[in-house]
C-alpha atoms as a PDB file:
ATOM      1  CA  UNK A   1     -16.596  24.391  41.631  1.00  0.00           C
ATOM      2  CA  UNK A   2     -15.281  27.956  41.720  1.00  0.00           C
ATOM      3  CA  UNK A   3     -15.836  30.722  39.184  1.00  0.00           C
ATOM      4  CA  UNK A   4     -12.428  30.215  37.621  1.00  0.00           C
ATOM      5  CA  UNK A   5     -12.973  26.462  37.380  1.00  0.00           C
ATOM      6  CA  UNK A   6     -16.199  26.831  35.471  1.00  0.00           C
ATOM      7  CA  UNK A   7     -14.729  29.556  33.246  1.00  0.00           C
ATOM      8  CA  UNK A   8     -11.373  27.983  32.403  1.00  0.00           C
ATOM      9  CA  UNK A   9     -12.667  26.626  29.096  1.00  0.00           C
ATOM     10  CA  UNK A  10     -13.880  30.131  28.238  1.00  0.00           C
ATOM     11  CA  UNK A  11     -10.450  31.529  29.123  1.00  0.00           C
ATOM     12  CA  UNK A  12      -8.869  29.074  26.697  1.00  0.00           C
ATOM     13  CA  UNK A  13     -11.252  30.254  23.959  1.00  0.00           C
ATOM     14  CA  UNK A  14     -10.529  33.884  24.789  1.00  0.00           C
ATOM     15  CA  UNK A  15      -6.787  33.151  24.569  1.00  0.00           C
ATOM     16  CA  UNK A  16      -7.345  31.564  21.151  1.00  0.00           C
ATOM     17  CA  UNK A  17      -9.265  34.676  20.069  1.00  0.00           C
ATOM     18  CA  UNK A  18      -6.401  36.819  21.342  1.00  0.00           C
ATOM     19  CA  UNK A  19      -3.935  34.728  19.390  1.00  0.00           C
ATOM     20  CA  UNK A  20      -5.932  35.220  16.184  1.00  0.00           C
ATOM     21  CA  UNK A  21      -6.306  38.962  16.842  1.00  0.00           C
ATOM     22  CA  UNK A  22      -2.597  39.596  17.488  1.00  0.00           C
ATOM     23  CA  UNK A  23      -1.483  37.316  14.663  1.00  0.00           C
ATOM     24  CA  UNK A  24      -3.640  39.343  12.268  1.00  0.00           C
ATOM     25  CA  UNK A  25      -2.495  42.647  13.798  1.00  0.00           C
ATOM     26  CA  UNK A  26       1.173  41.630  13.449  1.00  0.00           C
ATOM     27  CA  UNK A  27       0.658  41.058   9.731  1.00  0.00           C
ATOM     28  CA  UNK A  28      -1.287  44.280   9.117  1.00  0.00           C
ATOM     29  CA  UNK A  29       0.770  46.829  11.049  1.00  0.00           C
ATOM     30  CA  UNK A  30       3.580  48.556   9.175  1.00  0.00           C
ATOM     31  CA  UNK A  31       5.784  49.374  12.171  1.00  0.00           C
ATOM     32  CA  UNK A  32       8.311  46.523  12.533  1.00  0.00           C
ATOM     33  CA  UNK A  33       8.682  46.894  16.314  1.00  0.00           C
ATOM     34  CA  UNK A  34       4.936  46.853  16.796  1.00  0.00           C
ATOM     35  CA  UNK A  35       4.604  43.895  14.452  1.00  0.00           C
ATOM     36  CA  UNK A  36       7.194  41.984  16.482  1.00  0.00           C
ATOM     37  CA  UNK A  37       5.377  42.853  19.734  1.00  0.00           C
ATOM     38  CA  UNK A  38       2.054  41.660  18.343  1.00  0.00           C
ATOM     39  CA  UNK A  39       3.697  38.450  17.089  1.00  0.00           C
ATOM     40  CA  UNK A  40       5.128  37.789  20.582  1.00  0.00           C
ATOM     41  CA  UNK A  41       1.720  38.453  22.144  1.00  0.00           C
ATOM     42  CA  UNK A  42       0.128  36.019  19.677  1.00  0.00           C
ATOM     43  CA  UNK A  43       2.737  33.385  20.499  1.00  0.00           C
ATOM     44  CA  UNK A  44       2.228  33.692  24.261  1.00  0.00           C
ATOM     45  CA  UNK A  45      -1.550  33.376  23.872  1.00  0.00           C
ATOM     46  CA  UNK A  46      -1.244  30.415  21.505  1.00  0.00           C
ATOM     47  CA  UNK A  47       1.112  28.585  23.862  1.00  0.00           C
ATOM     48  CA  UNK A  48      -1.192  29.260  26.807  1.00  0.00           C
ATOM     49  CA  UNK A  49      -4.266  27.976  24.969  1.00  0.00           C
ATOM     50  CA  UNK A  50      -2.454  24.836  23.807  1.00  0.00           C
ATOM     51  CA  UNK A  51      -0.947  24.039  27.193  1.00  0.00           C
ATOM     52  CA  UNK A  52      -4.148  24.675  29.127  1.00  0.00           C
ATOM     53  CA  UNK A  53      -6.180  22.676  26.614  1.00  0.00           C
ATOM     54  CA  UNK A  54      -3.949  19.716  27.362  1.00  0.00           C
ATOM     55  CA  UNK A  55      -4.718  20.031  31.069  1.00  0.00           C
ATOM     56  CA  UNK A  56      -8.401  20.964  31.038  1.00  0.00           C
ATOM     57  CA  UNK A  57     -11.163  18.630  30.035  1.00  0.00           C
ATOM     58  CA  UNK A  58     -13.852  20.463  28.070  1.00  0.00           C
ATOM     59  CA  UNK A  59     -17.281  20.114  29.656  1.00  0.00           C
ATOM     60  CA  UNK A  60     -19.847  18.006  27.838  1.00  0.00           C
ATOM     61  CA  UNK A  61     -22.056  20.124  25.616  1.00  0.00           C
ATOM     62  CA  UNK A  62     -19.642  22.964  25.028  1.00  0.00           C
ATOM     63  CA  UNK A  63     -21.140  26.090  26.487  1.00  0.00           C
ATOM     64  CA  UNK A  64     -20.804  29.574  25.089  1.00  0.00           C
ATOM     65  CA  UNK A  65     -18.982  32.302  26.981  1.00  0.00           C
ATOM     66  CA  UNK A  66     -21.131  34.412  29.255  1.00  0.00           C
ATOM     67  CA  UNK A  67     -23.387  36.932  27.543  1.00  0.00           C
ATOM     68  CA  UNK A  68     -22.892  40.656  27.852  1.00  0.00           C
ATOM     69  CA  UNK A  69     -23.843  41.861  31.281  1.00  0.00           C
ATOM     70  CA  UNK A  70     -23.468  38.416  32.853  1.00  0.00           C
ATOM     71  CA  UNK A  71     -19.810  38.760  33.756  1.00  0.00           C
ATOM     72  CA  UNK A  72     -16.576  40.474  32.946  1.00  0.00           C
ATOM     73  CA  UNK A  73     -15.552  37.217  31.275  1.00  0.00           C
ATOM     74  CA  UNK A  74     -18.365  37.713  28.787  1.00  0.00           C
ATOM     75  CA  UNK A  75     -16.968  41.161  28.039  1.00  0.00           C
ATOM     76  CA  UNK A  76     -13.525  39.663  27.509  1.00  0.00           C
ATOM     77  CA  UNK A  77     -14.985  37.070  25.157  1.00  0.00           C
ATOM     78  CA  UNK A  78     -16.147  39.888  22.889  1.00  0.00           C
ATOM     79  CA  UNK A  79     -13.182  42.194  23.409  1.00  0.00           C
ATOM     80  CA  UNK A  80     -11.005  41.067  20.511  1.00  0.00           C
ATOM     81  CA  UNK A  81     -13.924  41.299  18.063  1.00  0.00           C
ATOM     82  CA  UNK A  82     -14.482  44.856  19.262  1.00  0.00           C
ATOM     83  CA  UNK A  83     -10.798  45.686  18.882  1.00  0.00           C
ATOM     84  CA  UNK A  84     -10.860  44.462  15.284  1.00  0.00           C
ATOM     85  CA  UNK A  85     -13.609  46.971  14.515  1.00  0.00           C
ATOM     86  CA  UNK A  86     -11.850  49.867  16.226  1.00  0.00           C
ATOM     87  CA  UNK A  87      -9.787  52.229  14.135  1.00  0.00           C
ATOM     88  CA  UNK A  88      -6.007  52.075  14.675  1.00  0.00           C
ATOM     89  CA  UNK A  89      -4.719  54.759  16.976  1.00  0.00           C
ATOM     90  CA  UNK A  90      -4.188  55.777  20.557  1.00  0.00           C
ATOM     91  CA  UNK A  91      -7.668  54.778  21.753  1.00  0.00           C
ATOM     92  CA  UNK A  92      -7.214  51.294  20.347  1.00  0.00           C
ATOM     93  CA  UNK A  93      -3.911  50.912  22.209  1.00  0.00           C
ATOM     94  CA  UNK A  94      -5.578  52.023  25.431  1.00  0.00           C
ATOM     95  CA  UNK A  95      -8.381  49.488  24.935  1.00  0.00           C
ATOM     96  CA  UNK A  96      -5.878  46.737  24.085  1.00  0.00           C
ATOM     97  CA  UNK A  97      -3.974  47.437  27.303  1.00  0.00           C
ATOM     98  CA  UNK A  98      -7.254  47.388  29.271  1.00  0.00           C
ATOM     99  CA  UNK A  99      -8.266  44.034  27.791  1.00  0.00           C
ATOM    100  CA  UNK A 100      -4.855  42.535  28.474  1.00  0.00           C
ATOM    101  CA  UNK A 101      -4.944  43.876  32.044  1.00  0.00           C
ATOM    102  CA  UNK A 102      -8.362  42.308  32.632  1.00  0.00           C
ATOM    103  CA  UNK A 103      -7.126  39.011  31.248  1.00  0.00           C
ATOM    104  CA  UNK A 104      -4.060  39.131  33.496  1.00  0.00           C
ATOM    105  CA  UNK A 105      -6.275  39.753  36.522  1.00  0.00           C
ATOM    106  CA  UNK A 106      -8.516  36.849  35.586  1.00  0.00           C
ATOM    107  CA  UNK A 107      -5.562  34.496  35.198  1.00  0.00           C
ATOM    108  CA  UNK A 108      -4.137  35.727  38.502  1.00  0.00           C
ATOM    109  CA  UNK A 109      -7.363  34.468  40.079  1.00  0.00           C
ATOM    110  CA  UNK A 110      -6.708  31.084  38.462  1.00  0.00           C
ATOM    111  CA  UNK A 111      -3.229  31.079  40.009  1.00  0.00           C
ATOM    112  CA  UNK A 112      -4.727  31.599  43.478  1.00  0.00           C
ATOM    113  CA  UNK A 113      -7.584  29.109  43.039  1.00  0.00           C
ATOM    114  CA  UNK A 114      -6.607  25.858  44.755  1.00  0.00           C
ATOM    115  CA  UNK A 115      -9.436  24.023  42.984  1.00  0.00           C
ATOM    116  CA  UNK A 116      -7.178  23.937  39.934  1.00  0.00           C
ATOM    117  CA  UNK A 117      -4.386  21.459  39.509  1.00  0.00           C
ATOM    118  CA  UNK A 118      -0.873  22.562  40.283  1.00  0.00           C
ATOM    119  CA  UNK A 119      -0.025  22.411  36.572  1.00  0.00           C
ATOM    120  CA  UNK A 120      -2.926  24.682  35.590  1.00  0.00           C
ATOM    121  CA  UNK A 121      -1.937  27.209  38.264  1.00  0.00           C
ATOM    122  CA  UNK A 122       1.704  27.143  37.140  1.00  0.00           C
ATOM    123  CA  UNK A 123       0.675  27.655  33.503  1.00  0.00           C
ATOM    124  CA  UNK A 124      -1.529  30.565  34.541  1.00  0.00           C
ATOM    125  CA  UNK A 125       1.323  32.069  36.604  1.00  0.00           C
ATOM    126  CA  UNK A 126       3.731  31.764  33.681  1.00  0.00           C
ATOM    127  CA  UNK A 127       1.210  33.495  31.446  1.00  0.00           C
ATOM    128  CA  UNK A 128       0.677  36.314  33.954  1.00  0.00           C
ATOM    129  CA  UNK A 129       4.443  36.905  34.124  1.00  0.00           C
ATOM    130  CA  UNK A 130       4.878  36.952  30.339  1.00  0.00           C
ATOM    131  CA  UNK A 131       1.750  39.038  29.788  1.00  0.00           C
ATOM    132  CA  UNK A 132       2.876  41.628  32.324  1.00  0.00           C
ATOM    133  CA  UNK A 133       6.063  42.285  30.353  1.00  0.00           C
ATOM    134  CA  UNK A 134       4.230  42.379  27.018  1.00  0.00           C
ATOM    135  CA  UNK A 135       1.521  44.670  28.379  1.00  0.00           C
ATOM    136  CA  UNK A 136       4.197  47.113  29.570  1.00  0.00           C
ATOM    137  CA  UNK A 137       5.617  47.104  26.054  1.00  0.00           C
ATOM    138  CA  UNK A 138       2.131  47.680  24.633  1.00  0.00           C
ATOM    139  CA  UNK A 139       1.593  50.689  26.916  1.00  0.00           C
ATOM    140  CA  UNK A 140       5.037  52.023  25.966  1.00  0.00           C
ATOM    141  CA  UNK A 141       4.189  51.641  22.274  1.00  0.00           C
ATOM    142  CA  UNK A 142       1.025  53.653  22.893  1.00  0.00           C
ATOM    143  CA  UNK A 143       3.036  56.474  24.439  1.00  0.00           C
ATOM    144  CA  UNK A 144       5.338  56.411  21.405  1.00  0.00           C
ATOM    145  CA  UNK A 145       2.458  56.384  18.909  1.00  0.00           C
END
């Protein structure tokens, strides 16, 4: 079993956390364009989590995401909680873009991992494509902030 195989369940949980974070952010932000961007990001993450959950069997005895220092996946598992605590502003946008970039990279590894089913790799590829566009919009919003 490869790293991405053993961590796919964690990636689904991280996507669910991302959905919750961006759904909340979309409701709290006053800027309509930013709210719409956050809502689209939430939707993409929700769809990914739902579709992958249908393809991935959860391991018996659900394990927790890696602890801090164990892997970058562990850092991603805590990223959205950290973003919630961070004050709105330019630094938060930068951190959001970093987190989304790390998540894209991780899912790109899933795409290339032949231990996954074709469907899982296609779902990961679709996510990477959608996330790339949304992350560009997020970085552009940061420059405009």
